[in-house]
C-alpha atoms as a PDB file:
ATOM      1  CA  MET A   1      64.373 135.423 133.304  1.00  0.00           C
ATOM      2  CA  THR A   2      66.580 138.481 133.555  1.00  0.00           C
ATOM      3  CA  ASP A   3      68.373 140.271 130.754  1.00  0.00           C
ATOM      4  CA  ALA A   4      71.650 138.925 132.153  1.00  0.00           C
ATOM      5  CA  ASP A   5      70.449 135.320 132.008  1.00  0.00           C
ATOM      6  CA  TYR A   6      71.422 134.842 128.375  1.00  0.00           C
ATOM      7  CA  ARG A   7      72.821 136.701 125.384  1.00  0.00           C
ATOM      8  CA  GLN A   8      70.574 137.056 122.375  1.00  0.00           C
ATOM      9  CA  LEU A   9      72.174 136.436 119.002  1.00  0.00           C
ATOM     10  CA  SER A  10      71.240 135.471 115.477  1.00  0.00           C
ATOM     11  CA  PHE A  11      72.751 133.423 112.691  1.00  0.00           C
ATOM     12  CA  THR A  12      72.017 132.778 109.037  1.00  0.00           C
ATOM     13  CA  SER A  13      70.896 129.420 107.726  1.00  0.00           C
ATOM     14  CA  HIS A  14      70.797 129.286 103.915  1.00  0.00           C
ATOM     15  CA  GLY A  15      69.781 132.932 103.747  1.00  0.00           C
ATOM     16  CA  THR A  16      67.290 132.882 106.625  1.00  0.00           C
ATOM     17  CA  THR A  17      68.021 134.584 109.947  1.00  0.00           C
ATOM     18  CA  CYS A  18      67.425 132.376 112.972  1.00  0.00           C
ATOM     19  CA  ASP A  19      67.104 133.702 116.508  1.00  0.00           C
ATOM     20  CA  ALA A  20      69.046 132.157 119.408  1.00  0.00           C
ATOM     21  CA  TRP A  21      69.784 132.536 123.092  1.00  0.00           C
ATOM     22  CA  PHE A  22      73.291 131.826 124.370  1.00  0.00           C
ATOM     23  CA  PHE A  23      73.737 130.765 127.992  1.00  0.00           C
ATOM     24  CA  ALA A  24      77.395 131.165 128.976  1.00  0.00           C
ATOM     25  CA  PRO A  25      78.964 129.647 132.110  1.00  0.00           C
ATOM     26  CA  GLU A  26      82.007 130.957 133.909  1.00  0.00           C
ATOM     27  CA  PRO A  27      84.974 130.942 131.494  1.00  0.00           C
ATOM     28  CA  ARG A  28      87.567 128.220 131.840  1.00  0.00           C
ATOM     29  CA  PRO A  29      91.077 127.798 130.429  1.00  0.00           C
ATOM     30  CA  GLY A  30      90.836 126.059 127.087  1.00  0.00           C
ATOM     31  CA  GLY A  31      87.189 126.929 126.684  1.00  0.00           C
ATOM     32  CA  VAL A  32      83.957 125.210 127.654  1.00  0.00           C
ATOM     33  CA  PRO A  33      81.809 122.679 125.797  1.00  0.00           C
ATOM     34  CA  ALA A  34      78.706 124.010 124.030  1.00  0.00           C
ATOM     35  CA  VAL A  35      75.321 122.298 123.806  1.00  0.00           C
ATOM     36  CA  VAL A  36      73.215 123.190 120.747  1.00  0.00           C
ATOM     37  CA  MET A  37      69.528 122.696 121.458  1.00  0.00           C
ATOM     38  CA  ALA A  38      66.160 123.032 119.763  1.00  0.00           C
ATOM     39  CA  HIS A  39      62.572 121.887 120.246  1.00  0.00           C
ATOM     40  CA  GLY A  40      60.288 119.471 118.461  1.00  0.00           C
ATOM     41  CA  PHE A  41      58.586 120.210 115.163  1.00  0.00           C
ATOM     42  CA  GLY A  42      56.353 123.024 116.387  1.00  0.00           C
ATOM     43  CA  GLY A  43      58.095 124.118 119.565  1.00  0.00           C
ATOM     44  CA  THR A  44      59.944 127.348 120.301  1.00  0.00           C
ATOM     45  CA  LYS A  45      62.907 128.005 122.546  1.00  0.00           C
ATOM     46  CA  ASP A  46      60.734 129.966 124.992  1.00  0.00           C
ATOM     47  CA  SER A  47      58.508 126.908 125.498  1.00  0.00           C
ATOM     48  CA  GLY A  48      60.327 124.799 128.033  1.00  0.00           C
ATOM     49  CA  LEU A  49      63.976 124.859 126.906  1.00  0.00           C
ATOM     50  CA  VAL A  50      65.260 127.476 129.361  1.00  0.00           C
ATOM     51  CA  PRO A  51      65.332 125.200 132.459  1.00  0.00           C
ATOM     52  CA  PHE A  52      67.424 122.680 130.534  1.00  0.00           C
ATOM     53  CA  ALA A  53      69.816 125.395 129.317  1.00  0.00           C
ATOM     54  CA  ARG A  54      70.203 126.852 132.807  1.00  0.00           C
ATOM     55  CA  ALA A  55      70.937 123.462 134.355  1.00  0.00           C
ATOM     56  CA  LEU A  56      73.572 122.756 131.710  1.00  0.00           C
ATOM     57  CA  ARG A  57      75.157 126.150 132.286  1.00  0.00           C
ATOM     58  CA  GLU A  58      75.298 125.510 136.028  1.00  0.00           C
ATOM     59  CA  ALA A  59      77.165 122.303 135.227  1.00  0.00           C
ATOM     60  CA  GLY A  60      79.792 124.286 133.314  1.00  0.00           C
ATOM     61  CA  LEU A  61      78.557 123.930 129.743  1.00  0.00           C
ATOM     62  CA  ALA A  62      77.464 126.690 127.397  1.00  0.00           C
ATOM     63  CA  ALA A  63      74.047 126.247 125.778  1.00  0.00           C
ATOM     64  CA  LEU A  64      72.748 127.734 122.546  1.00  0.00           C
ATOM     65  CA  ALA A  65      68.969 127.400 122.147  1.00  0.00           C
ATOM     66  CA  PHE A  66      67.462 128.449 118.814  1.00  0.00           C
ATOM     67  CA  ASP A  67      64.213 128.644 116.882  1.00  0.00           C
ATOM     68  CA  TYR A  68      63.797 126.917 113.541  1.00  0.00           C
ATOM     69  CA  ARG A  69      63.108 128.997 110.444  1.00  0.00           C
ATOM     70  CA  GLY A  70      59.473 130.056 110.285  1.00  0.00           C
ATOM     71  CA  PHE A  71      58.905 129.505 114.004  1.00  0.00           C
ATOM     72  CA  GLY A  72      59.172 131.629 117.123  1.00  0.00           C
ATOM     73  CA  ALA A  73      61.460 134.646 116.849  1.00  0.00           C
ATOM     74  CA  SER A  74      63.275 133.379 113.748  1.00  0.00           C
ATOM     75  CA  GLU A  75      62.580 134.772 110.318  1.00  0.00           C
ATOM     76  CA  GLY A  76      61.482 132.736 107.351  1.00  0.00           C
ATOM     77  CA  GLU A  77      58.415 132.316 105.186  1.00  0.00           C
ATOM     78  CA  PRO A  78      56.027 130.610 105.096  1.00  0.00           C
ATOM     79  CA  ARG A  79      55.388 130.641 108.825  1.00  0.00           C
ATOM     80  CA  GLN A  80      54.626 127.503 110.813  1.00  0.00           C
ATOM     81  CA  ARG A  81      55.666 125.147 108.024  1.00  0.00           C
ATOM     82  CA  VAL A  82      57.805 122.193 109.032  1.00  0.00           C
ATOM     83  CA  SER A  83      60.654 121.262 106.706  1.00  0.00           C
ATOM     84  CA  VAL A  84      62.785 118.404 107.969  1.00  0.00           C
ATOM     85  CA  ALA A  85      65.623 119.307 105.599  1.00  0.00           C
ATOM     86  CA  GLY A  86      65.358 122.985 106.536  1.00  0.00           C
ATOM     87  CA  GLN A  87      65.371 122.303 110.269  1.00  0.00           C
ATOM     88  CA  ILE A  88      68.422 120.063 109.944  1.00  0.00           C
ATOM     89  CA  ASP A  89      70.143 122.845 107.998  1.00  0.00           C
ATOM     90  CA  ASP A  90      69.268 125.215 110.852  1.00  0.00           C
ATOM     91  CA  TYR A  91      70.852 122.822 113.351  1.00  0.00           C
ATOM     92  CA  ARG A  92      74.035 122.688 111.264  1.00  0.00           C
ATOM     93  CA  ALA A  93      74.201 126.488 111.134  1.00  0.00           C
ATOM     94  CA  ALA A  94      73.579 126.674 114.893  1.00  0.00           C
ATOM     95  CA  VAL A  95      76.481 124.278 115.510  1.00  0.00           C
ATOM     96  CA  ALA A  96      78.818 126.504 113.516  1.00  0.00           C
ATOM     97  CA  THR A  97      77.554 129.540 115.434  1.00  0.00           C
ATOM     98  CA  ALA A  98      78.063 127.927 118.826  1.00  0.00           C
ATOM     99  CA  ALA A  99      81.609 126.919 117.888  1.00  0.00           C
ATOM    100  CA  ARG A 100      82.445 130.570 117.121  1.00  0.00           C
ATOM    101  CA  GLN A 101      81.273 131.976 120.452  1.00  0.00           C
ATOM    102  CA  PRO A 102      83.938 133.454 122.746  1.00  0.00           C
ATOM    103  CA  GLY A 103      85.008 131.010 125.423  1.00  0.00           C
ATOM    104  CA  VAL A 104      83.695 127.917 123.627  1.00  0.00           C
ATOM    105  CA  ASP A 105      85.948 124.995 122.805  1.00  0.00           C
ATOM    106  CA  PRO A 106      84.913 124.198 119.198  1.00  0.00           C
ATOM    107  CA  GLY A 107      86.147 120.646 119.625  1.00  0.00           C
ATOM    108  CA  ARG A 108      83.507 119.908 122.250  1.00  0.00           C
ATOM    109  CA  ILE A 109      80.110 120.457 120.638  1.00  0.00           C
ATOM    110  CA  VAL A 110      77.091 118.549 121.909  1.00  0.00           C
ATOM    111  CA  LEU A 111      73.881 118.051 119.934  1.00  0.00           C
ATOM    112  CA  TRP A 112      70.734 118.164 122.094  1.00  0.00           C
ATOM    113  CA  GLY A 113      67.187 117.677 120.866  1.00  0.00           C
ATOM    114  CA  ILE A 114      63.732 116.845 122.133  1.00  0.00           C
ATOM    115  CA  SER A 115      60.985 114.933 120.317  1.00  0.00           C
ATOM    116  CA  MET A 116      61.427 115.508 116.568  1.00  0.00           C
ATOM    117  CA  GLY A 117      64.457 117.650 117.386  1.00  0.00           C
ATOM    118  CA  ALA A 118      65.991 114.553 118.983  1.00  0.00           C
ATOM    119  CA  GLY A 119      65.505 112.780 115.683  1.00  0.00           C
ATOM    120  CA  HIS A 120      67.250 115.648 113.924  1.00  0.00           C
ATOM    121  CA  VAL A 121      70.330 115.452 116.141  1.00  0.00           C
ATOM    122  CA  LEU A 122      70.619 111.705 115.589  1.00  0.00           C
ATOM    123  CA  SER A 123      70.480 112.282 111.821  1.00  0.00           C
ATOM    124  CA  ILE A 124      73.165 114.982 111.985  1.00  0.00           C
ATOM    125  CA  ALA A 125      75.438 112.951 114.263  1.00  0.00           C
ATOM    126  CA  ALA A 126      75.260 110.054 111.800  1.00  0.00           C
ATOM    127  CA  GLU A 127      76.853 112.201 109.090  1.00  0.00           C
ATOM    128  CA  ARG A 128      79.581 113.933 111.128  1.00  0.00           C
ATOM    129  CA  SER A 129      82.682 112.903 113.031  1.00  0.00           C
ATOM    130  CA  ASP A 130      83.213 116.221 114.836  1.00  0.00           C
ATOM    131  CA  ILE A 131      80.336 115.931 117.338  1.00  0.00           C
ATOM    132  CA  ARG A 132      81.482 115.155 120.875  1.00  0.00           C
ATOM    133  CA  ALA A 133      78.175 113.813 122.271  1.00  0.00           C
ATOM    134  CA  VAL A 134      74.442 113.602 121.608  1.00  0.00           C
ATOM    135  CA  VAL A 135      71.499 113.955 124.000  1.00  0.00           C
ATOM    136  CA  ALA A 136      68.110 112.802 122.676  1.00  0.00           C
ATOM    137  CA  LEU A 137      65.060 113.373 124.881  1.00  0.00           C
ATOM    138  CA  VAL A 138      61.774 111.537 124.185  1.00  0.00           C
ATOM    139  CA  PRO A 139      63.065 111.041 120.642  1.00  0.00           C
ATOM    140  CA  LEU A 140      60.761 110.822 117.656  1.00  0.00           C
ATOM    141  CA  VAL A 141      62.808 108.680 115.292  1.00  0.00           C
ATOM    142  CA  SER A 142      60.242 107.142 112.926  1.00  0.00           C
ATOM    143  CA  GLY A 143      57.301 108.852 111.277  1.00  0.00           C
ATOM    144  CA  PRO A 144      55.771 105.522 110.172  1.00  0.00           C
ATOM    145  CA  ALA A 145      55.937 104.203 113.748  1.00  0.00           C
ATOM    146  CA  ALA A 146      54.249 107.399 114.986  1.00  0.00           C
ATOM    147  CA  GLY A 147      51.617 106.934 112.285  1.00  0.00           C
ATOM    148  CA  ARG A 148      50.791 103.469 113.565  1.00  0.00           C
ATOM    149  CA  VAL A 149      50.350 104.868 117.064  1.00  0.00           C
ATOM    150  CA  ALA A 150      48.095 107.626 115.689  1.00  0.00           C
ATOM    151  CA  LEU A 151      46.039 105.014 113.840  1.00  0.00           C
ATOM    152  CA  ALA A 152      45.474 103.082 117.061  1.00  0.00           C
ATOM    153  CA  GLN A 153      44.571 106.259 118.956  1.00  0.00           C
ATOM    154  CA  ASN A 154      42.328 107.974 116.418  1.00  0.00           C
ATOM    155  CA  GLY A 155      41.106 105.338 113.974  1.00  0.00           C
ATOM    156  CA  SER A 156      41.492 104.912 110.228  1.00  0.00           C
ATOM    157  CA  ALA A 157      38.843 107.491 109.246  1.00  0.00           C
ATOM    158  CA  ALA A 158      40.566 110.306 111.150  1.00  0.00           C
ATOM    159  CA  LEU A 159      43.953 109.292 109.790  1.00  0.00           C
ATOM    160  CA  ALA A 160      42.603 109.250 106.235  1.00  0.00           C
ATOM    161  CA  ARG A 161      41.156 112.750 106.669  1.00  0.00           C
ATOM    162  CA  SER A 162      44.489 113.985 107.965  1.00  0.00           C
ATOM    163  CA  ALA A 163      46.322 112.455 105.016  1.00  0.00           C
ATOM    164  CA  VAL A 164      44.003 114.145 102.521  1.00  0.00           C
ATOM    165  CA  THR A 165      44.364 117.506 104.284  1.00  0.00           C
ATOM    166  CA  ALA A 166      48.169 117.125 104.356  1.00  0.00           C
ATOM    167  CA  ALA A 167      48.284 116.311 100.655  1.00  0.00           C
ATOM    168  CA  ARG A 168      46.100 119.273  99.723  1.00  0.00           C
ATOM    169  CA  SER A 169      48.149 121.665 101.827  1.00  0.00           C
ATOM    170  CA  GLY A 170      51.405 120.317 100.434  1.00  0.00           C
ATOM    171  CA  PHE A 171      50.142 120.704  96.874  1.00  0.00           C
ATOM    172  CA  ALA A 172      48.953 124.253  97.555  1.00  0.00           C
ATOM    173  CA  GLY A 173      52.261 125.223  99.141  1.00  0.00           C
ATOM    174  CA  ARG A 174      54.235 123.843  96.229  1.00  0.00           C
ATOM    175  CA  PHE A 175      52.329 125.908  93.696  1.00  0.00           C
ATOM    176  CA  GLY A 176      52.019 129.165  95.622  1.00  0.00           C
ATOM    177  CA  GLY A 177      48.601 128.530  97.126  1.00  0.00           C
ATOM    178  CA  ARG A 178      47.456 129.083 100.680  1.00  0.00           C
ATOM    179  CA  PRO A 179      48.350 126.229 103.047  1.00  0.00           C
ATOM    180  CA  THR A 180      45.830 124.591 105.352  1.00  0.00           C
ATOM    181  CA  MET A 181      46.661 125.294 108.969  1.00  0.00           C
ATOM    182  CA  ILE A 182      45.711 122.944 111.781  1.00  0.00           C
ATOM    183  CA  PRO A 183      46.238 123.232 115.543  1.00  0.00           C
ATOM    184  CA  LEU A 184      49.524 121.790 116.698  1.00  0.00           C
ATOM    185  CA  VAL A 185      47.876 120.398 119.817  1.00  0.00           C
ATOM    186  CA  GLY A 186      44.221 119.935 120.677  1.00  0.00           C
ATOM    187  CA  ARG A 187      41.843 117.930 122.797  1.00  0.00           C
ATOM    188  CA  PRO A 188      40.878 114.376 121.826  1.00  0.00           C
ATOM    189  CA  GLY A 189      38.690 114.229 118.739  1.00  0.00           C
ATOM    190  CA  SER A 190      39.973 117.517 117.303  1.00  0.00           C
ATOM    191  CA  ASP A 191      41.845 117.916 114.016  1.00  0.00           C
ATOM    192  CA  ALA A 192      45.105 118.860 115.739  1.00  0.00           C
ATOM    193  CA  ALA A 193      48.445 117.176 115.079  1.00  0.00           C
ATOM    194  CA  LEU A 194      48.655 116.014 118.721  1.00  0.00           C
ATOM    195  CA  THR A 195      45.386 114.941 120.366  1.00  0.00           C
ATOM    196  CA  ALA A 196      46.223 112.455 123.128  1.00  0.00           C
ATOM    197  CA  PRO A 197      44.342 113.101 126.392  1.00  0.00           C
ATOM    198  CA  GLY A 198      46.135 115.714 128.483  1.00  0.00           C
ATOM    199  CA  TYR A 199      48.465 116.901 125.723  1.00  0.00           C
ATOM    200  CA  TYR A 200      46.611 120.165 125.164  1.00  0.00           C
ATOM    201  CA  GLU A 201      47.004 121.110 128.828  1.00  0.00           C
ATOM    202  CA  ASP A 202      50.607 119.854 128.986  1.00  0.00           C
ATOM    203  CA  TYR A 203      51.718 121.832 125.935  1.00  0.00           C
ATOM    204  CA  LEU A 204      49.968 125.050 126.930  1.00  0.00           C
ATOM    205  CA  ALA A 205      51.633 124.845 130.342  1.00  0.00           C
ATOM    206  CA  LEU A 206      54.996 125.100 128.513  1.00  0.00           C
ATOM    207  CA  ALA A 207      54.023 127.597 125.818  1.00  0.00           C
ATOM    208  CA  GLY A 208      56.009 130.828 125.639  1.00  0.00           C
ATOM    209  CA  PRO A 209      54.971 134.139 124.076  1.00  0.00           C
ATOM    210  CA  THR A 210      56.300 133.357 120.581  1.00  0.00           C
ATOM    211  CA  TRP A 211      54.648 129.926 120.337  1.00  0.00           C
ATOM    212  CA  ARG A 212      51.611 129.589 118.084  1.00  0.00           C
ATOM    213  CA  ASN A 213      49.172 126.721 118.255  1.00  0.00           C
ATOM    214  CA  GLU A 214      49.098 126.086 114.538  1.00  0.00           C
ATOM    215  CA  VAL A 215      51.134 124.249 111.949  1.00  0.00           C
ATOM    216  CA  ASP A 216      50.888 123.690 108.216  1.00  0.00           C
ATOM    217  CA  ALA A 217      48.919 120.458 107.732  1.00  0.00           C
ATOM    218  CA  ALA A 218      51.590 119.348 105.238  1.00  0.00           C
ATOM    219  CA  VAL A 219      53.631 118.305 108.289  1.00  0.00           C
ATOM    220  CA  GLY A 220      51.934 114.950 107.769  1.00  0.00           C
ATOM    221  CA  LEU A 221      53.872 114.531 104.531  1.00  0.00           C
ATOM    222  CA  GLU A 222      57.140 115.361 106.281  1.00  0.00           C
ATOM    223  CA  LEU A 223      56.442 112.866 109.036  1.00  0.00           C
ATOM    224  CA  GLY A 224      55.497 110.130 106.585  1.00  0.00           C
ATOM    225  CA  GLY A 225      59.073 109.823 105.367  1.00  0.00           C
ATOM    226  CA  PHE A 226      60.825 110.774 108.600  1.00  0.00           C
ATOM    227  CA  ARG A 227      63.336 108.057 109.550  1.00  0.00           C
ATOM    228  CA  ALA A 228      65.976 109.435 111.901  1.00  0.00           C
ATOM    229  CA  ASP A 229      66.729 105.868 112.967  1.00  0.00           C
ATOM    230  CA  ARG A 230      67.842 104.758 109.515  1.00  0.00           C
ATOM    231  CA  HIS A 231      71.570 105.452 109.989  1.00  0.00           C
ATOM    232  CA  ALA A 232      71.831 105.418 113.779  1.00  0.00           C
ATOM    233  CA  ASP A 233      74.510 102.744 113.544  1.00  0.00           C
ATOM    234  CA  ARG A 234      76.802 105.294 111.857  1.00  0.00           C
ATOM    235  CA  ILE A 235      76.910 107.601 114.877  1.00  0.00           C
ATOM    236  CA  GLN A 236      80.431 107.778 116.279  1.00  0.00           C
ATOM    237  CA  ALA A 237      79.754 110.070 119.252  1.00  0.00           C
ATOM    238  CA  PRO A 238      78.428 108.754 122.566  1.00  0.00           C
ATOM    239  CA  VAL A 239      74.641 109.066 122.743  1.00  0.00           C
ATOM    240  CA  LEU A 240      72.333 109.470 125.720  1.00  0.00           C
ATOM    241  CA  MET A 241      68.774 108.500 124.843  1.00  0.00           C
ATOM    242  CA  GLN A 242      66.066 109.391 127.368  1.00  0.00           C
ATOM    243  CA  ILE A 243      62.859 107.482 126.676  1.00  0.00           C
ATOM    244  CA  ALA A 244      59.425 108.038 128.211  1.00  0.00           C
ATOM    245  CA  ASP A 245      58.041 104.525 128.494  1.00  0.00           C
ATOM    246  CA  PHE A 246      54.403 105.637 128.178  1.00  0.00           C
ATOM    247  CA  ASP A 247      55.013 108.107 125.344  1.00  0.00           C
ATOM    248  CA  ARG A 248      51.937 108.497 123.101  1.00  0.00           C
ATOM    249  CA  ALA A 249      53.624 110.850 120.612  1.00  0.00           C
ATOM    250  CA  ALA A 250      57.121 109.430 120.043  1.00  0.00           C
ATOM    251  CA  PRO A 251      56.874 105.622 120.114  1.00  0.00           C
ATOM    252  CA  PRO A 252      59.269 104.339 122.803  1.00  0.00           C
ATOM    253  CA  HIS A 253      59.876 100.986 121.103  1.00  0.00           C
ATOM    254  CA  ALA A 254      61.183 102.726 117.968  1.00  0.00           C
ATOM    255  CA  ALA A 255      63.424 104.949 120.112  1.00  0.00           C
ATOM    256  CA  ALA A 256      64.780 101.919 121.983  1.00  0.00           C
ATOM    257  CA  GLN A 257      65.615 100.181 118.706  1.00  0.00           C
ATOM    258  CA  ALA A 258      67.435 103.300 117.472  1.00  0.00           C
ATOM    259  CA  GLY A 259      69.291 103.495 120.768  1.00  0.00           C
ATOM    260  CA  PHE A 260      70.472  99.922 120.353  1.00  0.00           C
ATOM    261  CA  LYS A 261      71.743 100.691 116.841  1.00  0.00           C
ATOM    262  CA  ALA A 262      73.555 103.794 118.106  1.00  0.00           C
ATOM    263  CA  ARG A 263      75.137 101.882 121.026  1.00  0.00           C
ATOM    264  CA  ALA A 264      73.550 104.515 123.250  1.00  0.00           C
ATOM    265  CA  GLU A 265      73.271 104.860 126.970  1.00  0.00           C
ATOM    266  CA  VAL A 266      69.523 104.489 127.350  1.00  0.00           C
ATOM    267  CA  ARG A 267      67.523 105.800 130.287  1.00  0.00           C
ATOM    268  CA  HIS A 268      63.862 104.959 130.827  1.00  0.00           C
ATOM    269  CA  TYR A 269      61.303 107.055 132.719  1.00  0.00           C
ATOM    270  CA  PRO A 270      57.772 105.946 133.704  1.00  0.00           C
ATOM    271  CA  CYS A 271      56.011 108.917 132.123  1.00  0.00           C
ATOM    272  CA  ASP A 272      54.478 110.292 128.928  1.00  0.00           C
ATOM    273  CA  HIS A 273      55.952 112.627 126.292  1.00  0.00           C
ATOM    274  CA  PHE A 274      55.935 115.809 128.418  1.00  0.00           C
ATOM    275  CA  GLY A 275      57.082 114.169 131.645  1.00  0.00           C
ATOM    276  CA  LEU A 276      60.734 115.244 131.384  1.00  0.00           C
ATOM    277  CA  PHE A 277      60.063 118.979 131.215  1.00  0.00           C
ATOM    278  CA  ALA A 278      60.571 121.211 134.269  1.00  0.00           C
ATOM    279  CA  GLY A 279      57.664 121.089 136.679  1.00  0.00           C
ATOM    280  CA  ASN A 280      57.173 117.373 136.148  1.00  0.00           C
ATOM    281  CA  PRO A 281      58.403 114.616 138.493  1.00  0.00           C
ATOM    282  CA  TYR A 282      61.154 113.295 136.221  1.00  0.00           C
ATOM    283  CA  PHE A 283      62.850 116.535 135.184  1.00  0.00           C
ATOM    284  CA  GLU A 284      65.397 116.411 138.004  1.00  0.00           C
ATOM    285  CA  SER A 285      66.293 112.787 137.258  1.00  0.00           C
ATOM    286  CA  ALA A 286      66.585 113.503 133.535  1.00  0.00           C
ATOM    287  CA  MET A 287      68.912 116.453 134.162  1.00  0.00           C
ATOM    288  CA  ARG A 288      71.008 114.501 136.637  1.00  0.00           C
ATOM    289  CA  HIS A 289      71.487 111.781 134.031  1.00  0.00           C
ATOM    290  CA  GLN A 290      72.348 114.320 131.329  1.00  0.00           C
ATOM    291  CA  ILE A 291      74.945 116.043 133.471  1.00  0.00           C
ATOM    292  CA  ARG A 292      76.576 112.790 134.545  1.00  0.00           C
ATOM    293  CA  PHE A 293      76.724 111.661 130.923  1.00  0.00           C
ATOM    294  CA  LEU A 294      78.195 114.958 129.710  1.00  0.00           C
ATOM    295  CA  ARG A 295      80.732 115.160 132.518  1.00  0.00           C
ATOM    296  CA  ARG A 296      81.926 111.696 131.598  1.00  0.00           C
ATOM    297  CA  HIS A 297      82.187 112.240 127.862  1.00  0.00           C
ATOM    298  CA  VAL A 298      82.619 115.989 127.359  1.00  0.00           C
ATOM    299  CA  VAL A 299      83.556 117.969 130.455  1.00  0.00           C
ATOM    300  CA  GLU A 300      86.119 115.655 132.024  1.00  0.00           C
ATOM    301  CA  PRO A 301      89.090 114.063 130.210  1.00  0.00           C
ATOM    302  CA  PRO A 302      87.690 111.676 127.603  1.00  0.00           C
ATOM    303  CA  VAL A 303      87.591 107.947 128.246  1.00  0.00           C
ATOM    304  CA  ALA A 304      86.672 105.091 125.942  1.00  0.00           C
ATOM    305  CA  ALA A 305      82.924 105.298 125.312  1.00  0.00           C
ATOM    306  CA  VAL A 306      80.956 102.099 125.739  1.00  0.00           C
ATOM    307  CA  GLY A 307      77.214 102.051 125.034  1.00  0.00           C
ATOM    308  CA  THR A 308      75.129 100.796 127.956  1.00  0.00           C
ATOM    309  CA  THR A 309      71.510 100.322 128.735  1.00  0.00           C
ATOM    310  CA  GLU A 310      70.550 101.497 132.180  1.00  0.00           C
ATOM    311  CA  GLY A 311      67.342 101.988 134.048  1.00  0.00           C
ATOM    312  CA  THR A 312      66.256 105.109 135.908  1.00  0.00           C
ATOM    313  CA  LYS A 313      68.011 105.667 139.199  1.00  0.00           C
END
């Protein structure tokens, strides 16, 4: 990536400075749409987001990729602690920042998220009428559904240990104590947040220089009440939902149900959670579907949006 590939900028979210990269296409009369994008709960913008941003820019859309508070190049203490409310606030601030960029049409903002970030964009779109479109990749929409998958994968004893560790870390963090850190991703049988076979290798293949393989164990408490699907029926913008049918991290059945509620265009891919990232067989198909969707609803003159369910082509 060259220095000319993007413009580095920062914005403030409730007093915390977040770091972002802005990928600008060739200017157009009337401005260009802008896609605001972020990772899952422990990801950073240098860990797999750049190929998506470049492809969107080549299609004529601006892209603003940012790090959540406490992660990557963004400021914020404590580090590596997931706050669902805080990350959603960061998304809102990023949207306002993207709308202010030179050459951007503020009336054509797209929310883009992956994994837990996809859940965040669905939650934000449900509360706003000024979002032009939403793209949700391998969306994590229900913490309880993910918990049931984790129970089947790891067993009740491991899940109980994780719950106790999460509670202790959450209590310590609330009262100024030292949090308990766990690996974000690890091999099967480890105490990491993600332990499905192959996930350790898949995540490290994406990891950029600012990514750290640790997260506050209290993330378990955040996930326990995470329900991005709760108000999906309130979303007014067209939604593209891209589901990995063999996803072992973000349950595909929960995502499909949320997609139905949101009247989304749903695309299915025969892969696991990391199968839509660059370097994997379904990246090109996923990007082709995104660009077609965005050209239809955002780039070209708007037409009446009708939710459809389509298979991979």
